[in-house]
Amino acid sequence: MKSFVLVYERPTGKLDTMEFPEGQRHEAFALRSKLQRTAGPETEVVVFHANDLQELRSTHQRYFASVGEMIAKQHA
């Protein structure tokens, strides 16, 4: 499985995604640790493992949805 580092800014919904090939989990976690040290309190820096980005989108939709989509879901 590939590793993905996601940097998600909650207030704006901005998402940066970095992909690491299978066998580079250590590098993904090292990057997460480095980015977490400088991230603000409203920024999530996480590592997920998936076969591909599409799978990650289906299992962790909230990171990929627009702010409008998230608001619509809350009021549905």
N, C-alpha and C. Protein backbone atom coordinates (compact mmCIF):
# COMPACT_ATOMS: atom_id res chain seq x y z
N MET A 1 0.83 -1.19 0.00
CA MET A 1 0.00 0.00 0.00
C MET A 1 0.87 1.24 0.00
N LYS A 2 0.35 2.25 -0.66
CA LYS A 2 1.02 3.54 -0.68
C LYS A 2 0.70 4.30 0.60
N SER A 3 1.53 5.26 0.91
CA SER A 3 1.27 6.16 2.03
C SER A 3 0.97 7.54 1.47
N PHE A 4 0.06 8.23 2.12
CA PHE A 4 -0.32 9.58 1.70
C PHE A 4 -0.24 10.50 2.91
N VAL A 5 0.46 11.61 2.75
CA VAL A 5 0.49 12.64 3.78
C VAL A 5 -0.48 13.72 3.33
N LEU A 6 -1.44 14.04 4.18
CA LEU A 6 -2.41 15.07 3.88
C LEU A 6 -2.21 16.23 4.84
N VAL A 7 -2.19 17.43 4.29
CA VAL A 7 -2.14 18.65 5.09
C VAL A 7 -3.44 19.38 4.80
N TYR A 8 -4.31 19.43 5.80
CA TYR A 8 -5.66 19.96 5.62
C TYR A 8 -5.86 21.16 6.53
N GLU A 9 -6.17 22.30 5.90
CA GLU A 9 -6.46 23.52 6.66
C GLU A 9 -7.96 23.61 6.86
N ARG A 10 -8.40 23.39 8.07
CA ARG A 10 -9.84 23.34 8.37
C ARG A 10 -10.61 24.60 7.97
N PRO A 11 -10.12 25.79 8.30
CA PRO A 11 -10.93 26.99 7.99
C PRO A 11 -11.18 27.21 6.50
N THR A 12 -10.22 26.86 5.66
CA THR A 12 -10.35 27.14 4.23
C THR A 12 -10.70 25.91 3.41
N GLY A 13 -10.47 24.72 3.95
CA GLY A 13 -10.69 23.50 3.19
C GLY A 13 -9.54 23.18 2.24
N LYS A 14 -8.46 23.95 2.32
CA LYS A 14 -7.31 23.71 1.45
C LYS A 14 -6.64 22.39 1.81
N LEU A 15 -6.31 21.61 0.79
CA LEU A 15 -5.72 20.29 1.01
C LEU A 15 -4.49 20.13 0.13
N ASP A 16 -3.39 19.73 0.73
CA ASP A 16 -2.19 19.34 0.00
C ASP A 16 -1.99 17.85 0.26
N THR A 17 -1.70 17.11 -0.81
CA THR A 17 -1.53 15.66 -0.71
C THR A 17 -0.18 15.27 -1.28
N MET A 18 0.56 14.48 -0.52
CA MET A 18 1.83 13.94 -0.98
C MET A 18 1.77 12.42 -0.94
N GLU A 19 2.19 11.79 -2.01
CA GLU A 19 2.10 10.33 -2.14
C GLU A 19 3.48 9.70 -2.03
N PHE A 20 3.55 8.60 -1.28
CA PHE A 20 4.79 7.85 -1.13
C PHE A 20 4.54 6.41 -1.58
N PRO A 21 5.45 5.86 -2.37
CA PRO A 21 5.27 4.48 -2.83
C PRO A 21 5.37 3.48 -1.68
N GLU A 22 4.88 2.30 -1.93
CA GLU A 22 4.96 1.22 -0.95
C GLU A 22 6.41 1.08 -0.50
N GLY A 23 6.61 0.85 0.77
CA GLY A 23 7.96 0.70 1.31
C GLY A 23 8.55 2.00 1.84
N GLN A 24 7.82 3.11 1.71
CA GLN A 24 8.33 4.38 2.22
C GLN A 24 7.46 4.97 3.32
N ARG A 25 6.90 4.10 4.13
CA ARG A 25 6.06 4.58 5.25
C ARG A 25 6.87 5.43 6.22
N HIS A 26 8.10 4.99 6.47
CA HIS A 26 8.95 5.75 7.40
C HIS A 26 9.12 7.19 6.92
N GLU A 27 9.36 7.37 5.64
CA GLU A 27 9.53 8.70 5.07
C GLU A 27 8.26 9.53 5.19
N ALA A 28 7.12 8.89 4.99
CA ALA A 28 5.84 9.59 5.12
C ALA A 28 5.63 10.08 6.55
N PHE A 29 5.93 9.23 7.52
CA PHE A 29 5.76 9.63 8.92
C PHE A 29 6.78 10.69 9.33
N ALA A 30 7.98 10.62 8.76
CA ALA A 30 9.00 11.63 9.05
C ALA A 30 8.55 13.00 8.52
N LEU A 31 7.98 13.01 7.31
CA LEU A 31 7.47 14.26 6.75
C LEU A 31 6.32 14.79 7.58
N ARG A 32 5.42 13.90 7.99
CA ARG A 32 4.29 14.33 8.83
C ARG A 32 4.80 15.00 10.10
N SER A 33 5.79 14.40 10.74
CA SER A 33 6.34 14.97 11.98
C SER A 33 6.94 16.35 11.73
N LYS A 34 7.67 16.48 10.64
CA LYS A 34 8.30 17.76 10.30
C LYS A 34 7.24 18.83 10.04
N LEU A 35 6.22 18.50 9.25
CA LEU A 35 5.17 19.46 8.92
C LEU A 35 4.32 19.81 10.14
N GLN A 36 4.10 18.85 11.01
CA GLN A 36 3.28 19.07 12.20
C GLN A 36 3.90 20.12 13.12
N ARG A 37 5.22 20.16 13.17
CA ARG A 37 5.90 21.12 14.05
C ARG A 37 5.62 22.57 13.66
N THR A 38 5.37 22.82 12.38
CA THR A 38 5.14 24.20 11.93
C THR A 38 3.67 24.48 11.61
N ALA A 39 2.84 23.47 11.68
CA ALA A 39 1.41 23.65 11.36
C ALA A 39 0.71 24.40 12.48
N GLY A 40 -0.24 25.21 12.10
CA GLY A 40 -1.04 25.93 13.08
C GLY A 40 -2.07 25.02 13.72
N PRO A 41 -2.75 25.52 14.72
CA PRO A 41 -3.73 24.69 15.45
C PRO A 41 -4.93 24.27 14.60
N GLU A 42 -5.20 24.97 13.52
CA GLU A 42 -6.34 24.65 12.66
C GLU A 42 -5.92 23.81 11.44
N THR A 43 -4.71 23.29 11.46
CA THR A 43 -4.21 22.48 10.35
C THR A 43 -3.98 21.05 10.82
N GLU A 44 -4.53 20.11 10.08
CA GLU A 44 -4.32 18.69 10.36
C GLU A 44 -3.25 18.16 9.41
N VAL A 45 -2.30 17.43 9.97
CA VAL A 45 -1.28 16.75 9.16
C VAL A 45 -1.40 15.28 9.52
N VAL A 46 -1.82 14.47 8.54
CA VAL A 46 -2.10 13.06 8.81
C VAL A 46 -1.46 12.17 7.76
N VAL A 47 -1.27 10.91 8.13
CA VAL A 47 -0.78 9.89 7.20
C VAL A 47 -1.85 8.82 7.08
N PHE A 48 -2.18 8.47 5.85
CA PHE A 48 -3.09 7.37 5.59
C PHE A 48 -2.43 6.40 4.62
N HIS A 49 -2.90 5.18 4.63
CA HIS A 49 -2.39 4.15 3.72
C HIS A 49 -3.55 3.64 2.87
N ALA A 50 -3.31 3.57 1.57
CA ALA A 50 -4.34 3.09 0.64
C ALA A 50 -3.66 2.59 -0.62
N ASN A 51 -4.42 1.85 -1.41
CA ASN A 51 -3.89 1.36 -2.68
C ASN A 51 -3.67 2.49 -3.68
N ASP A 52 -4.56 3.49 -3.63
CA ASP A 52 -4.43 4.63 -4.53
C ASP A 52 -5.23 5.80 -3.97
N LEU A 53 -5.09 6.95 -4.62
CA LEU A 53 -5.76 8.15 -4.14
C LEU A 53 -7.28 8.02 -4.20
N GLN A 54 -7.79 7.34 -5.20
CA GLN A 54 -9.25 7.15 -5.32
C GLN A 54 -9.80 6.40 -4.11
N GLU A 55 -9.09 5.37 -3.68
CA GLU A 55 -9.52 4.63 -2.48
C GLU A 55 -9.51 5.53 -1.26
N LEU A 56 -8.49 6.34 -1.14
CA LEU A 56 -8.40 7.26 -0.02
C LEU A 56 -9.54 8.28 -0.05
N ARG A 57 -9.88 8.74 -1.23
CA ARG A 57 -11.01 9.68 -1.37
C ARG A 57 -12.31 9.05 -0.89
N SER A 58 -12.49 7.76 -1.13
CA SER A 58 -13.74 7.12 -0.72
C SER A 58 -13.78 6.81 0.77
N THR A 59 -12.63 6.57 1.38
CA THR A 59 -12.62 6.23 2.80
C THR A 59 -12.49 7.45 3.71
N HIS A 60 -11.97 8.55 3.19
CA HIS A 60 -11.77 9.76 4.00
C HIS A 60 -12.28 10.98 3.24
N GLN A 61 -13.54 10.93 2.88
CA GLN A 61 -14.16 11.95 2.03
C GLN A 61 -14.07 13.36 2.57
N ARG A 62 -14.12 13.51 3.86
CA ARG A 62 -14.20 14.87 4.42
C ARG A 62 -13.00 15.72 4.06
N TYR A 63 -11.86 15.10 3.82
CA TYR A 63 -10.69 15.87 3.43
C TYR A 63 -10.78 16.36 1.99
N PHE A 64 -11.56 15.70 1.18
CA PHE A 64 -11.62 16.00 -0.24
C PHE A 64 -12.87 16.79 -0.63
N ALA A 65 -13.83 16.90 0.26
CA ALA A 65 -15.06 17.63 -0.03
C ALA A 65 -14.82 19.13 0.09
N SER A 66 -15.54 19.90 -0.70
CA SER A 66 -15.44 21.36 -0.59
C SER A 66 -16.16 21.81 0.67
N VAL A 67 -15.89 23.02 1.09
CA VAL A 67 -16.55 23.58 2.27
C VAL A 67 -18.06 23.58 2.07
N GLY A 68 -18.51 23.95 0.88
CA GLY A 68 -19.95 23.96 0.59
C GLY A 68 -20.57 22.59 0.70
N GLU A 69 -19.87 21.58 0.20
CA GLU A 69 -20.37 20.20 0.28
C GLU A 69 -20.47 19.75 1.74
N MET A 70 -19.49 20.13 2.55
CA MET A 70 -19.52 19.73 3.96
C MET A 70 -20.68 20.41 4.70
N ILE A 71 -20.93 21.67 4.40
CA ILE A 71 -22.03 22.39 5.03
C ILE A 71 -23.37 21.77 4.61
N ALA A 72 -23.50 21.44 3.33
CA ALA A 72 -24.73 20.82 2.83
C ALA A 72 -24.99 19.50 3.51
N LYS A 73 -23.96 18.70 3.75
CA LYS A 73 -24.12 17.41 4.43
C LYS A 73 -24.60 17.61 5.86
N GLN A 74 -24.09 18.64 6.55
CA GLN A 74 -24.49 18.88 7.94
C GLN A 74 -25.95 19.27 8.04
N HIS A 75 -26.48 19.92 7.02
CA HIS A 75 -27.86 20.40 7.06
C HIS A 75 -28.84 19.47 6.35
N ALA A 76 -28.35 18.35 5.89
CA ALA A 76 -29.22 17.41 5.16
C ALA A 76 -30.00 16.54 6.13
